[in-house]
Structures are given as structure tokens and as C-alpha cells.
PDB file of N, CA and C in Angstrom:
ATOM      1  N   GLN A   1      12.231   0.538  14.705  1.00  0.00           N
ATOM      2  CA  GLN A   1      11.270   0.837  13.656  1.00  0.00           C
ATOM      3  C   GLN A   1      11.986   0.878  12.314  1.00  0.00           C
ATOM      4  N   VAL A   2      11.428   0.201  11.338  1.00  0.00           N
ATOM      5  CA  VAL A   2      12.038   0.146  10.021  1.00  0.00           C
ATOM      6  C   VAL A   2      11.641   1.366   9.206  1.00  0.00           C
ATOM      7  N   GLN A   3      12.610   1.947   8.565  1.00  0.00           N
ATOM      8  CA  GLN A   3      12.352   3.060   7.649  1.00  0.00           C
ATOM      9  C   GLN A   3      13.140   2.864   6.367  1.00  0.00           C
ATOM     10  N   LEU A   4      12.499   3.131   5.243  1.00  0.00           N
ATOM     11  CA  LEU A   4      13.163   3.161   3.952  1.00  0.00           C
ATOM     12  C   LEU A   4      13.000   4.578   3.419  1.00  0.00           C
ATOM     13  N   VAL A   5      14.107   5.229   3.141  1.00  0.00           N
ATOM     14  CA  VAL A   5      14.065   6.617   2.700  1.00  0.00           C
ATOM     15  C   VAL A   5      14.713   6.721   1.327  1.00  0.00           C
ATOM     16  N   GLU A   6      13.897   7.100   0.341  1.00  0.00           N
ATOM     17  CA  GLU A   6      14.386   7.270  -1.024  1.00  0.00           C
ATOM     18  C   GLU A   6      14.790   8.715  -1.262  1.00  0.00           C
ATOM     19  N   SER A   7      15.730   8.902  -2.185  1.00  0.00           N
ATOM     20  CA  SER A   7      16.117  10.240  -2.607  1.00  0.00           C
ATOM     21  C   SER A   7      16.660  10.172  -4.027  1.00  0.00           C
ATOM     22  N   GLY A   8      16.762  11.318  -4.658  1.00  0.00           N
ATOM     23  CA  GLY A   8      17.388  11.394  -5.963  1.00  0.00           C
ATOM     24  C   GLY A   8      16.457  11.582  -7.138  1.00  0.00           C
ATOM     25  N   GLY A   9      15.159  11.570  -6.898  1.00  0.00           N
ATOM     26  CA  GLY A   9      14.230  11.789  -7.995  1.00  0.00           C
ATOM     27  C   GLY A   9      14.206  13.243  -8.425  1.00  0.00           C
ATOM     28  N   GLY A  10      13.443  13.493  -9.500  1.00  0.00           N
ATOM     29  CA  GLY A  10      13.313  14.852  -9.979  1.00  0.00           C
ATOM     30  C   GLY A  10      13.025  14.884 -11.461  1.00  0.00           C
ATOM     31  N   PRO A  11      13.026  16.078 -12.045  1.00  0.00           N
ATOM     32  CA  PRO A  11      12.806  16.201 -13.482  1.00  0.00           C
ATOM     33  C   PRO A  11      14.105  16.005 -14.254  1.00  0.00           C
ATOM     34  N   VAL A  12      13.982  15.440 -15.452  1.00  0.00           N
ATOM     35  CA  VAL A  12      15.148  15.223 -16.308  1.00  0.00           C
ATOM     36  C   VAL A  12      14.679  15.177 -17.750  1.00  0.00           C
ATOM     37  N   LEU A  13      15.530  15.565 -18.658  1.00  0.00           N
ATOM     38  CA  LEU A  13      15.202  15.488 -20.076  1.00  0.00           C
ATOM     39  C   LEU A  13      15.442  14.077 -20.600  1.00  0.00           C
ATOM     40  N   ALA A  14      14.689  13.714 -21.597  1.00  0.00           N
ATOM     41  CA  ALA A  14      14.882  12.411 -22.231  1.00  0.00           C
ATOM     42  C   ALA A  14      16.329  12.255 -22.687  1.00  0.00           C
ATOM     43  N   GLY A  15      16.872  11.062 -22.452  1.00  0.00           N
ATOM     44  CA  GLY A  15      18.267  10.803 -22.753  1.00  0.00           C
ATOM     45  C   GLY A  15      19.200  11.063 -21.595  1.00  0.00           C
ATOM     46  N   GLY A  16      18.687  11.703 -20.571  1.00  0.00           N
ATOM     47  CA  GLY A  16      19.510  12.034 -19.409  1.00  0.00           C
ATOM     48  C   GLY A  16      19.595  10.903 -18.407  1.00  0.00           C
ATOM     49  N   SER A  17      20.201  11.218 -17.271  1.00  0.00           N
ATOM     50  CA  SER A  17      20.445  10.216 -16.232  1.00  0.00           C
ATOM     51  C   SER A  17      20.029  10.750 -14.871  1.00  0.00           C
ATOM     52  N   LEU A  18      19.666   9.807 -14.008  1.00  0.00           N
ATOM     53  CA  LEU A  18      19.405  10.108 -12.607  1.00  0.00           C
ATOM     54  C   LEU A  18      19.900   8.932 -11.772  1.00  0.00           C
ATOM     55  N   ARG A  19      20.214   9.211 -10.527  1.00  0.00           N
ATOM     56  CA  ARG A  19      20.611   8.157  -9.608  1.00  0.00           C
ATOM     57  C   ARG A  19      19.735   8.237  -8.364  1.00  0.00           C
ATOM     58  N   LEU A  20      18.998   7.179  -8.118  1.00  0.00           N
ATOM     59  CA  LEU A  20      18.162   7.097  -6.940  1.00  0.00           C
ATOM     60  C   LEU A  20      18.912   6.358  -5.827  1.00  0.00           C
ATOM     61  N   SER A  21      18.630   6.758  -4.609  1.00  0.00           N
ATOM     62  CA  SER A  21      19.207   6.103  -3.440  1.00  0.00           C
ATOM     63  C   SER A  21      18.103   5.708  -2.484  1.00  0.00           C
ATOM     64  N   CYS A  22      18.338   4.625  -1.769  1.00  0.00           N
ATOM     65  CA  CYS A  22      17.395   4.182  -0.745  1.00  0.00           C
ATOM     66  C   CYS A  22      18.202   3.690   0.449  1.00  0.00           C
ATOM     67  N   ALA A  23      17.951   4.294   1.580  1.00  0.00           N
ATOM     68  CA  ALA A  23      18.627   3.892   2.806  1.00  0.00           C
ATOM     69  C   ALA A  23      17.604   3.279   3.752  1.00  0.00           C
ATOM     70  N   ALA A  24      17.893   2.068   4.198  1.00  0.00           N
ATOM     71  CA  ALA A  24      16.998   1.362   5.108  1.00  0.00           C
ATOM     72  C   ALA A  24      17.623   1.275   6.489  1.00  0.00           C
ATOM     73  N   SER A  25      16.787   1.388   7.471  1.00  0.00           N
ATOM     74  CA  SER A  25      17.277   1.286   8.844  1.00  0.00           C
ATOM     75  C   SER A  25      16.344   0.414   9.659  1.00  0.00           C
ATOM     76  N   GLY A  26      16.875  -0.176  10.702  1.00  0.00           N
ATOM     77  CA  GLY A  26      16.050  -0.925  11.629  1.00  0.00           C
ATOM     78  C   GLY A  26      16.147  -2.430  11.517  1.00  0.00           C
ATOM     79  N   ARG A  27      16.502  -2.961  10.374  1.00  0.00           N
ATOM     80  CA  ARG A  27      16.648  -4.404  10.180  1.00  0.00           C
ATOM     81  C   ARG A  27      17.748  -4.643   9.156  1.00  0.00           C
ATOM     82  N   THR A  28      18.159  -5.911   9.042  1.00  0.00           N
ATOM     83  CA  THR A  28      19.079  -6.328   7.986  1.00  0.00           C
ATOM     84  C   THR A  28      18.290  -7.091   6.946  1.00  0.00           C
ATOM     85  N   PHE A  29      18.446  -6.718   5.685  1.00  0.00           N
ATOM     86  CA  PHE A  29      17.628  -7.276   4.625  1.00  0.00           C
ATOM     87  C   PHE A  29      18.420  -8.197   3.719  1.00  0.00           C
ATOM     88  N   ARG A  30      17.727  -9.194   3.170  1.00  0.00           N
ATOM     89  CA  ARG A  30      18.333 -10.118   2.208  1.00  0.00           C
ATOM     90  C   ARG A  30      18.214  -9.614   0.784  1.00  0.00           C
ATOM     91  N   ARG A  31      17.145  -8.870   0.523  1.00  0.00           N
ATOM     92  CA  ARG A  31      16.889  -8.333  -0.813  1.00  0.00           C
ATOM     93  C   ARG A  31      16.387  -6.910  -0.706  1.00  0.00           C
ATOM     94  N   MET A  32      16.770  -6.113  -1.671  1.00  0.00           N
ATOM     95  CA  MET A  32      16.192  -4.785  -1.830  1.00  0.00           C
ATOM     96  C   MET A  32      15.906  -4.574  -3.303  1.00  0.00           C
ATOM     97  N   ALA A  33      14.928  -3.748  -3.576  1.00  0.00           N
ATOM     98  CA  ALA A  33      14.494  -3.613  -4.966  1.00  0.00           C
ATOM     99  C   ALA A  33      13.901  -2.239  -5.208  1.00  0.00           C
ATOM    100  N   TRP A  34      13.719  -1.959  -6.486  1.00  0.00           N
ATOM    101  CA  TRP A  34      13.005  -0.770  -6.934  1.00  0.00           C
ATOM    102  C   TRP A  34      11.794  -1.208  -7.756  1.00  0.00           C
ATOM    103  N   PHE A  35      10.697  -0.567  -7.486  1.00  0.00           N
ATOM    104  CA  PHE A  35       9.484  -0.692  -8.278  1.00  0.00           C
ATOM    105  C   PHE A  35       9.094   0.716  -8.727  1.00  0.00           C
ATOM    106  N   ARG A  36       8.187   0.783  -9.677  1.00  0.00           N
ATOM    107  CA  ARG A  36       7.689   2.087 -10.091  1.00  0.00           C
ATOM    108  C   ARG A  36       6.214   1.988 -10.442  1.00  0.00           C
ATOM    109  N   GLN A  37       5.548   3.119 -10.329  1.00  0.00           N
ATOM    110  CA  GLN A  37       4.133   3.175 -10.684  1.00  0.00           C
ATOM    111  C   GLN A  37       3.845   4.487 -11.377  1.00  0.00           C
ATOM    112  N   ALA A  38       3.390   4.365 -12.608  1.00  0.00           N
ATOM    113  CA  ALA A  38       2.986   5.528 -13.393  1.00  0.00           C
ATOM    114  C   ALA A  38       1.490   5.771 -13.188  1.00  0.00           C
ATOM    115  N   PRO A  39       1.031   6.985 -13.421  1.00  0.00           N
ATOM    116  CA  PRO A  39      -0.393   7.283 -13.239  1.00  0.00           C
ATOM    117  C   PRO A  39      -1.277   6.365 -14.074  1.00  0.00           C
ATOM    118  N   GLY A  40      -2.252   5.754 -13.418  1.00  0.00           N
ATOM    119  CA  GLY A  40      -3.184   4.894 -14.118  1.00  0.00           C
ATOM    120  C   GLY A  40      -2.669   3.512 -14.442  1.00  0.00           C
ATOM    121  N   LYS A  41      -1.467   3.198 -13.975  1.00  0.00           N
ATOM    122  CA  LYS A  41      -0.877   1.886 -14.264  1.00  0.00           C
ATOM    123  C   LYS A  41      -0.583   1.135 -12.968  1.00  0.00           C
ATOM    124  N   GLU A  42      -0.394  -0.175 -13.115  1.00  0.00           N
ATOM    125  CA  GLU A  42      -0.051  -0.987 -11.959  1.00  0.00           C
ATOM    126  C   GLU A  42       1.426  -0.810 -11.598  1.00  0.00           C
ATOM    127  N   ARG A  43       1.730  -1.134 -10.345  1.00  0.00           N
ATOM    128  CA  ARG A  43       3.121  -1.068  -9.918  1.00  0.00           C
ATOM    129  C   ARG A  43       3.942  -2.073 -10.718  1.00  0.00           C
ATOM    130  N   GLU A  44       5.101  -1.662 -11.164  1.00  0.00           N
ATOM    131  CA  GLU A  44       5.951  -2.458 -12.042  1.00  0.00           C
ATOM    132  C   GLU A  44       7.303  -2.719 -11.384  1.00  0.00           C
ATOM    133  N   PHE A  45       7.762  -3.940 -11.487  1.00  0.00           N
ATOM    134  CA  PHE A  45       9.089  -4.302 -10.990  1.00  0.00           C
ATOM    135  C   PHE A  45      10.156  -3.667 -11.875  1.00  0.00           C
ATOM    136  N   VAL A  46      11.163  -3.066 -11.254  1.00  0.00           N
ATOM    137  CA  VAL A  46      12.246  -2.434 -11.999  1.00  0.00           C
ATOM    138  C   VAL A  46      13.547  -3.237 -11.867  1.00  0.00           C
ATOM    139  N   ALA A  47      13.987  -3.442 -10.635  1.00  0.00           N
ATOM    140  CA  ALA A  47      15.262  -4.132 -10.427  1.00  0.00           C
ATOM    141  C   ALA A  47      15.369  -4.604  -8.990  1.00  0.00           C
ATOM    142  N   GLN A  48      16.158  -5.659  -8.812  1.00  0.00           N
ATOM    143  CA  GLN A  48      16.351  -6.257  -7.488  1.00  0.00           C
ATOM    144  C   GLN A  48      17.812  -6.604  -7.286  1.00  0.00           C
ATOM    145  N   VAL A  49      18.273  -6.455  -6.050  1.00  0.00           N
ATOM    146  CA  VAL A  49      19.583  -6.961  -5.668  1.00  0.00           C
ATOM    147  C   VAL A  49      19.365  -7.905  -4.497  1.00  0.00           C
ATOM    148  N   MET A  50      20.039  -9.056  -4.554  1.00  0.00           N
ATOM    149  CA  MET A  50      19.914 -10.066  -3.506  1.00  0.00           C
ATOM    150  C   MET A  50      21.302 -10.431  -3.000  1.00  0.00           C
ATOM    151  N   TRP A  51      21.428 -10.420  -1.696  1.00  0.00           N
ATOM    152  CA  TRP A  51      22.704 -10.741  -1.083  1.00  0.00           C
ATOM    153  C   TRP A  51      22.607 -12.135  -0.476  1.00  0.00           C
ATOM    154  N   SER A  52      23.297 -13.109  -1.114  1.00  0.00           N
ATOM    155  CA  SER A  52      23.240 -14.501  -0.661  1.00  0.00           C
ATOM    156  C   SER A  52      24.626 -15.120  -0.761  1.00  0.00           C
ATOM    157  N   GLY A  53      25.596 -14.465  -0.193  1.00  0.00           N
ATOM    158  CA  GLY A  53      26.980 -14.886  -0.398  1.00  0.00           C
ATOM    159  C   GLY A  53      27.523 -14.089  -1.568  1.00  0.00           C
ATOM    160  N   ASN A  54      26.959 -14.351  -2.725  1.00  0.00           N
ATOM    161  CA  ASN A  54      27.223 -13.497  -3.879  1.00  0.00           C
ATOM    162  C   ASN A  54      26.159 -12.410  -3.939  1.00  0.00           C
ATOM    163  N   THR A  55      26.407 -11.433  -4.772  1.00  0.00           N
ATOM    164  CA  THR A  55      25.404 -10.398  -5.014  1.00  0.00           C
ATOM    165  C   THR A  55      24.762 -10.683  -6.358  1.00  0.00           C
ATOM    166  N   ASN A  56      23.465 -10.889  -6.350  1.00  0.00           N
ATOM    167  CA  ASN A  56      22.730 -11.206  -7.568  1.00  0.00           C
ATOM    168  C   ASN A  56      21.763 -10.083  -7.907  1.00  0.00           C
ATOM    169  N   THR A  57      21.645  -9.776  -9.168  1.00  0.00           N
ATOM    170  CA  THR A  57      20.734  -8.726  -9.603  1.00  0.00           C
ATOM    171  C   THR A  57      19.771  -9.255 -10.661  1.00  0.00           C
ATOM    172  N   ARG A  58      18.641  -8.595 -10.737  1.00  0.00           N
ATOM    173  CA  ARG A  58      17.627  -8.953 -11.734  1.00  0.00           C
ATOM    174  C   ARG A  58      16.921  -7.682 -12.158  1.00  0.00           C
ATOM    175  N   TYR A  59      16.508  -7.615 -13.439  1.00  0.00           N
ATOM    176  CA  TYR A  59      15.917  -6.401 -13.988  1.00  0.00           C
ATOM    177  C   TYR A  59      14.613  -6.695 -14.718  1.00  0.00           C
ATOM    178  N   GLY A  60      13.761  -5.709 -14.710  1.00  0.00           N
ATOM    179  CA  GLY A  60      12.578  -5.781 -15.549  1.00  0.00           C
ATOM    180  C   GLY A  60      12.967  -5.580 -17.004  1.00  0.00           C
ATOM    181  N   ASP A  61      12.196  -6.155 -17.897  1.00  0.00           N
ATOM    182  CA  ASP A  61      12.550  -6.109 -19.322  1.00  0.00           C
ATOM    183  C   ASP A  61      12.637  -4.683 -19.852  1.00  0.00           C
ATOM    184  N   SER A  62      11.814  -3.804 -19.351  1.00  0.00           N
ATOM    185  CA  SER A  62      11.761  -2.451 -19.903  1.00  0.00           C
ATOM    186  C   SER A  62      12.978  -1.598 -19.530  1.00  0.00           C
ATOM    187  N   VAL A  63      13.778  -2.038 -18.585  1.00  0.00           N
ATOM    188  CA  VAL A  63      14.913  -1.222 -18.153  1.00  0.00           C
ATOM    189  C   VAL A  63      16.263  -1.902 -18.380  1.00  0.00           C
ATOM    190  N   LYS A  64      16.245  -3.127 -18.845  1.00  0.00           N
ATOM    191  CA  LYS A  64      17.503  -3.848 -19.064  1.00  0.00           C
ATOM    192  C   LYS A  64      18.407  -3.078 -20.019  1.00  0.00           C
ATOM    193  N   GLY A  65      19.674  -2.967 -19.641  1.00  0.00           N
ATOM    194  CA  GLY A  65      20.647  -2.280 -20.471  1.00  0.00           C
ATOM    195  C   GLY A  65      20.699  -0.786 -20.239  1.00  0.00           C
ATOM    196  N   ARG A  66      19.723  -0.239 -19.517  1.00  0.00           N
ATOM    197  CA  ARG A  66      19.704   1.209 -19.247  1.00  0.00           C
ATOM    198  C   ARG A  66      19.858   1.515 -17.760  1.00  0.00           C
ATOM    199  N   PHE A  67      19.309   0.665 -16.905  1.00  0.00           N
ATOM    200  CA  PHE A  67      19.356   0.883 -15.464  1.00  0.00           C
ATOM    201  C   PHE A  67      20.314  -0.109 -14.826  1.00  0.00           C
ATOM    202  N   THR A  68      20.959   0.329 -13.760  1.00  0.00           N
ATOM    203  CA  THR A  68      21.846  -0.541 -13.006  1.00  0.00           C
ATOM    204  C   THR A  68      21.549  -0.402 -11.519  1.00  0.00           C
ATOM    205  N   ILE A  69      21.299  -1.531 -10.868  1.00  0.00           N
ATOM    206  CA  ILE A  69      21.075  -1.528  -9.430  1.00  0.00           C
ATOM    207  C   ILE A  69      22.353  -1.959  -8.729  1.00  0.00           C
ATOM    208  N   SER A  70      22.644  -1.329  -7.633  1.00  0.00           N
ATOM    209  CA  SER A  70      23.790  -1.706  -6.818  1.00  0.00           C
ATOM    210  C   SER A  70      23.433  -1.438  -5.368  1.00  0.00           C
ATOM    211  N   GLY A  71      24.238  -1.983  -4.478  1.00  0.00           N
ATOM    212  CA  GLY A  71      23.906  -1.772  -3.087  1.00  0.00           C
ATOM    213  C   GLY A  71      25.001  -2.212  -2.148  1.00  0.00           C
ATOM    214  N   ASP A  72      24.808  -1.872  -0.911  1.00  0.00           N
ATOM    215  CA  ASP A  72      25.739  -2.224   0.146  1.00  0.00           C
ATOM    216  C   ASP A  72      24.924  -2.916   1.239  1.00  0.00           C
ATOM    217  N   ASN A  73      25.075  -4.223   1.345  1.00  0.00           N
ATOM    218  CA  ASN A  73      24.290  -4.987   2.311  1.00  0.00           C
ATOM    219  C   ASN A  73      24.570  -4.539   3.737  1.00  0.00           C
ATOM    220  N   ALA A  74      25.832  -4.263   4.023  1.00  0.00           N
ATOM    221  CA  ALA A  74      26.200  -3.862   5.387  1.00  0.00           C
ATOM    222  C   ALA A  74      25.539  -2.549   5.776  1.00  0.00           C
ATOM    223  N   LYS A  75      25.301  -1.702   4.802  1.00  0.00           N
ATOM    224  CA  LYS A  75      24.694  -0.402   5.072  1.00  0.00           C
ATOM    225  C   LYS A  75      23.212  -0.377   4.762  1.00  0.00           C
ATOM    226  N   ASN A  76      22.671  -1.517   4.285  1.00  0.00           N
ATOM    227  CA  ASN A  76      21.251  -1.555   3.909  1.00  0.00           C
ATOM    228  C   ASN A  76      20.897  -0.409   2.966  1.00  0.00           C
ATOM    229  N   THR A  77      21.741  -0.237   1.974  1.00  0.00           N
ATOM    230  CA  THR A  77      21.550   0.851   1.027  1.00  0.00           C
ATOM    231  C   THR A  77      21.533   0.293  -0.385  1.00  0.00           C
ATOM    232  N   VAL A  78      20.643   0.820  -1.203  1.00  0.00           N
ATOM    233  CA  VAL A  78      20.563   0.390  -2.586  1.00  0.00           C
ATOM    234  C   VAL A  78      20.453   1.623  -3.477  1.00  0.00           C
ATOM    235  N   TYR A  79      21.040   1.520  -4.661  1.00  0.00           N
ATOM    236  CA  TYR A  79      21.049   2.616  -5.614  1.00  0.00           C
ATOM    237  C   TYR A  79      20.461   2.133  -6.948  1.00  0.00           C
ATOM    238  N   LEU A  80      19.937   3.053  -7.685  1.00  0.00           N
ATOM    239  CA  LEU A  80      19.468   2.760  -9.029  1.00  0.00           C
ATOM    240  C   LEU A  80      20.013   3.841  -9.954  1.00  0.00           C
ATOM    241  N   GLN A  81      20.975   3.454 -10.778  1.00  0.00           N
ATOM    242  CA  GLN A  81      21.509   4.364 -11.787  1.00  0.00           C
ATOM    243  C   GLN A  81      20.666   4.218 -13.043  1.00  0.00           C
ATOM    244  N   MET A  82      20.049   5.295 -13.444  1.00  0.00           N
ATOM    245  CA  MET A  82      19.145   5.273 -14.584  1.00  0.00           C
ATOM    246  C   MET A  82      19.733   6.120 -15.705  1.00  0.00           C
ATOM    247  N   ASN A  83      20.054   5.479 -16.815  1.00  0.00           N
ATOM    248  CA  ASN A  83      20.623   6.155 -17.978  1.00  0.00           C
ATOM    249  C   ASN A  83      19.670   6.062 -19.157  1.00  0.00           C
ATOM    250  N   SER A  84      19.912   6.879 -20.148  1.00  0.00           N
ATOM    251  CA  SER A  84      19.091   6.886 -21.361  1.00  0.00           C
ATOM    252  C   SER A  84      17.597   6.919 -21.017  1.00  0.00           C
ATOM    253  N   LEU A  85      17.242   7.823 -20.148  1.00  0.00           N
ATOM    254  CA  LEU A  85      15.855   7.888 -19.680  1.00  0.00           C
ATOM    255  C   LEU A  85      14.899   8.268 -20.797  1.00  0.00           C
ATOM    256  N   LYS A  86      13.698   7.705 -20.731  1.00  0.00           N
ATOM    257  CA  LYS A  86      12.664   7.938 -21.718  1.00  0.00           C
ATOM    258  C   LYS A  86      11.434   8.518 -21.014  1.00  0.00           C
ATOM    259  N   PRO A  87      10.588   9.208 -21.729  1.00  0.00           N
ATOM    260  CA  PRO A  87       9.364   9.726 -21.101  1.00  0.00           C
ATOM    261  C   PRO A  87       8.533   8.635 -20.437  1.00  0.00           C
ATOM    262  N   GLU A  88       8.560   7.445 -20.995  1.00  0.00           N
ATOM    263  CA  GLU A  88       7.787   6.347 -20.403  1.00  0.00           C
ATOM    264  C   GLU A  88       8.386   5.836 -19.084  1.00  0.00           C
ATOM    265  N   ASP A  89       9.558   6.330 -18.708  1.00  0.00           N
ATOM    266  CA  ASP A  89      10.122   6.011 -17.390  1.00  0.00           C
ATOM    267  C   ASP A  89       9.525   6.896 -16.293  1.00  0.00           C
ATOM    268  N   THR A  90       8.736   7.870 -16.677  1.00  0.00           N
ATOM    269  CA  THR A  90       8.107   8.745 -15.699  1.00  0.00           C
ATOM    270  C   THR A  90       7.198   7.957 -14.772  1.00  0.00           C
ATOM    271  N   ALA A  91       7.443   8.089 -13.480  1.00  0.00           N
ATOM    272  CA  ALA A  91       6.687   7.318 -12.492  1.00  0.00           C
ATOM    273  C   ALA A  91       7.156   7.722 -11.099  1.00  0.00           C
ATOM    274  N   VAL A  92       6.417   7.249 -10.110  1.00  0.00           N
ATOM    275  CA  VAL A  92       6.912   7.291  -8.736  1.00  0.00           C
ATOM    276  C   VAL A  92       7.705   6.007  -8.512  1.00  0.00           C
ATOM    277  N   TYR A  93       8.917   6.144  -8.071  1.00  0.00           N
ATOM    278  CA  TYR A  93       9.797   5.003  -7.851  1.00  0.00           C
ATOM    279  C   TYR A  93       9.832   4.681  -6.355  1.00  0.00           C
ATOM    280  N   TYR A  94       9.590   3.407  -6.060  1.00  0.00           N
ATOM    281  CA  TYR A  94       9.530   2.940  -4.679  1.00  0.00           C
ATOM    282  C   TYR A  94      10.652   1.957  -4.386  1.00  0.00           C
ATOM    283  N   CYS A  95      11.222   2.098  -3.227  1.00  0.00           N
ATOM    284  CA  CYS A  95      12.191   1.152  -2.722  1.00  0.00           C
ATOM    285  C   CYS A  95      11.458   0.114  -1.879  1.00  0.00           C
ATOM    286  N   ALA A  96      11.887  -1.142  -1.989  1.00  0.00           N
ATOM    287  CA  ALA A  96      11.293  -2.217  -1.198  1.00  0.00           C
ATOM    288  C   ALA A  96      12.398  -3.066  -0.591  1.00  0.00           C
ATOM    289  N   ALA A  97      12.094  -3.687   0.534  1.00  0.00           N
ATOM    290  CA  ALA A  97      13.088  -4.518   1.216  1.00  0.00           C
ATOM    291  C   ALA A  97      12.429  -5.779   1.753  1.00  0.00           C
ATOM    292  N   ALA A  98      13.170  -6.892   1.697  1.00  0.00           N
ATOM    293  CA  ALA A  98      12.666  -8.178   2.171  1.00  0.00           C
ATOM    294  C   ALA A  98      13.650  -8.793   3.156  1.00  0.00           C
ATOM    295  N   LEU A  99      13.086  -9.432   4.172  1.00  0.00           N
ATOM    296  CA  LEU A  99      13.910 -10.042   5.206  1.00  0.00           C
ATOM    297  C   LEU A  99      14.445 -11.409   4.804  1.00  0.00           C
ATOM    298  N   SER A 100      13.789 -12.042   3.844  1.00  0.00           N
ATOM    299  CA  SER A 100      14.231 -13.363   3.398  1.00  0.00           C
ATOM    300  C   SER A 100      14.376 -13.377   1.886  1.00  0.00           C
ATOM    301  N   PHE A 101      14.872 -14.493   1.369  1.00  0.00           N
ATOM    302  CA  PHE A 101      15.119 -14.584  -0.068  1.00  0.00           C
ATOM    303  C   PHE A 101      13.841 -14.795  -0.870  1.00  0.00           C
ATOM    304  N   PHE A 102      12.832 -15.378  -0.253  1.00  0.00           N
ATOM    305  CA  PHE A 102      11.674 -15.800  -1.043  1.00  0.00           C
ATOM    306  C   PHE A 102      10.355 -15.227  -0.559  1.00  0.00           C
ATOM    307  N   SER A 103      10.382 -14.375   0.423  1.00  0.00           N
ATOM    308  CA  SER A 103       9.141 -13.811   0.920  1.00  0.00           C
ATOM    309  C   SER A 103       8.663 -12.688   0.009  1.00  0.00           C
ATOM    310  N   THR A 104       7.463 -12.245   0.303  1.00  0.00           N
ATOM    311  CA  THR A 104       7.020 -11.019  -0.349  1.00  0.00           C
ATOM    312  C   THR A 104       7.821  -9.860   0.237  1.00  0.00           C
ATOM    313  N   TRP A 105       7.629  -8.702  -0.326  1.00  0.00           N
ATOM    314  CA  TRP A 105       8.368  -7.542   0.151  1.00  0.00           C
ATOM    315  C   TRP A 105       7.774  -7.089   1.481  1.00  0.00           C
ATOM    316  N   ASP A 106       8.643  -6.946   2.462  1.00  0.00           N
ATOM    317  CA  ASP A 106       8.178  -6.668   3.816  1.00  0.00           C
ATOM    318  C   ASP A 106       7.999  -5.177   4.102  1.00  0.00           C
ATOM    319  N   TYR A 107       8.815  -4.352   3.479  1.00  0.00           N
ATOM    320  CA  TYR A 107       8.768  -2.921   3.769  1.00  0.00           C
ATOM    321  C   TYR A 107       8.884  -2.125   2.472  1.00  0.00           C
ATOM    322  N   TRP A 108       8.238  -0.982   2.491  1.00  0.00           N
ATOM    323  CA  TRP A 108       8.229  -0.088   1.327  1.00  0.00           C
ATOM    324  C   TRP A 108       8.572   1.326   1.755  1.00  0.00           C
ATOM    325  N   GLY A 109       9.242   2.050   0.854  1.00  0.00           N
ATOM    326  CA  GLY A 109       9.463   3.463   1.069  1.00  0.00           C
ATOM    327  C   GLY A 109       8.269   4.282   0.614  1.00  0.00           C
ATOM    328  N   GLN A 110       8.379   5.576   0.780  1.00  0.00           N
ATOM    329  CA  GLN A 110       7.281   6.480   0.427  1.00  0.00           C
ATOM    330  C   GLN A 110       7.259   6.827  -1.050  1.00  0.00           C
ATOM    331  N   GLY A 111       8.360   6.617  -1.729  1.00  0.00           N
ATOM    332  CA  GLY A 111       8.412   6.886  -3.160  1.00  0.00           C
ATOM    333  C   GLY A 111       9.072   8.213  -3.485  1.00  0.00           C
ATOM    334  N   THR A 112       9.671   8.266  -4.664  1.00  0.00           N
ATOM    335  CA  THR A 112      10.265   9.501  -5.163  1.00  0.00           C
ATOM    336  C   THR A 112       9.868   9.660  -6.630  1.00  0.00           C
ATOM    337  N   GLN A 113       9.459  10.852  -6.990  1.00  0.00           N
ATOM    338  CA  GLN A 113       8.942  11.104  -8.340  1.00  0.00           C
ATOM    339  C   GLN A 113      10.084  11.306  -9.330  1.00  0.00           C
ATOM    340  N   VAL A 114       9.996  10.621 -10.447  1.00  0.00           N
ATOM    341  CA  VAL A 114      10.907  10.832 -11.572  1.00  0.00           C
ATOM    342  C   VAL A 114      10.055  11.263 -12.758  1.00  0.00           C
ATOM    343  N   THR A 115      10.390  12.393 -13.334  1.00  0.00           N
ATOM    344  CA  THR A 115       9.645  12.922 -14.471  1.00  0.00           C
ATOM    345  C   THR A 115      10.602  13.156 -15.619  1.00  0.00           C
ATOM    346  N   VAL A 116      10.369  12.445 -16.718  1.00  0.00           N
ATOM    347  CA  VAL A 116      11.221  12.542 -17.899  1.00  0.00           C
ATOM    348  C   VAL A 116      10.436  13.242 -18.991  1.00  0.00           C
ATOM    349  N   SER A 117      10.953  14.345 -19.457  1.00  0.00           N
ATOM    350  CA  SER A 117      10.272  15.108 -20.498  1.00  0.00           C
ATOM    351  C   SER A 117      11.032  15.004 -21.810  1.00  0.00           C
ATOM    352  N   ALA A 118      10.261  15.019 -22.895  1.00  0.00           N
ATOM    353  CA  ALA A 118      10.861  14.878 -24.235  1.00  0.00           C
ATOM    354  C   ALA A 118      11.547  16.166 -24.667  1.00  0.00           C
TER     355      ALA A 118
END
């Protein structure tokens, strides 16, 4: 059975940092990513790591230069280092995992709340 377990969310002041973790079990994944959803808004892509010989990363425009995704393919673990947090980063952050390079996301975590206050 596949499980994705996120951790590391919580309250933080604007300008601060948080590090999210996601541990996946049950399968080996080609890609893992973070998405987020704020109240009343659609789910938004945050960052992706893809393991294809090399490790490739991609970021959403709103987090470029502030967030860094990293991971360990052998451990099916992905991290999101979030720096210079802003109130607009407040959202539930979800981990996602894909079995192939080009498929939709196959599995999702339950989410972890990040709340950034001014």
C-alpha cells in the first residue's frame, strides 16, 4: 500500500523559514512534487524533482528564488525548504508522487498546513 506522509508544517512569521518533508512508501517513484492550496483558491504547483539519471527540478513562478526542493530517490523522500516566507504562502501543502516521467500524479499525501503571519 502506498503512503505519502508529510511533516514540517506549522505557523511562522513573515520572513521566516520552514522545511517540509514527505516520505513515500510502497513504490519507487520517478517524480515527486509539492503543491499547495489556499482557502478559496485552486491547487497550485510549487516544485517538482525528477530523477532520470540526473536530478532535475522545476518551480512555480511564485516561489522561485525562495523555495528549494530536494530529495532522495532511493529513500522516496522529498523536502521543501521554504525561505523568505510571505503571508500569501499560507496554504495546505501537499506532496505528490508519480510512477513515470509524464503521467499525471498517481499518489497524494494528506497535506500539512503552513500559516505565515505578518
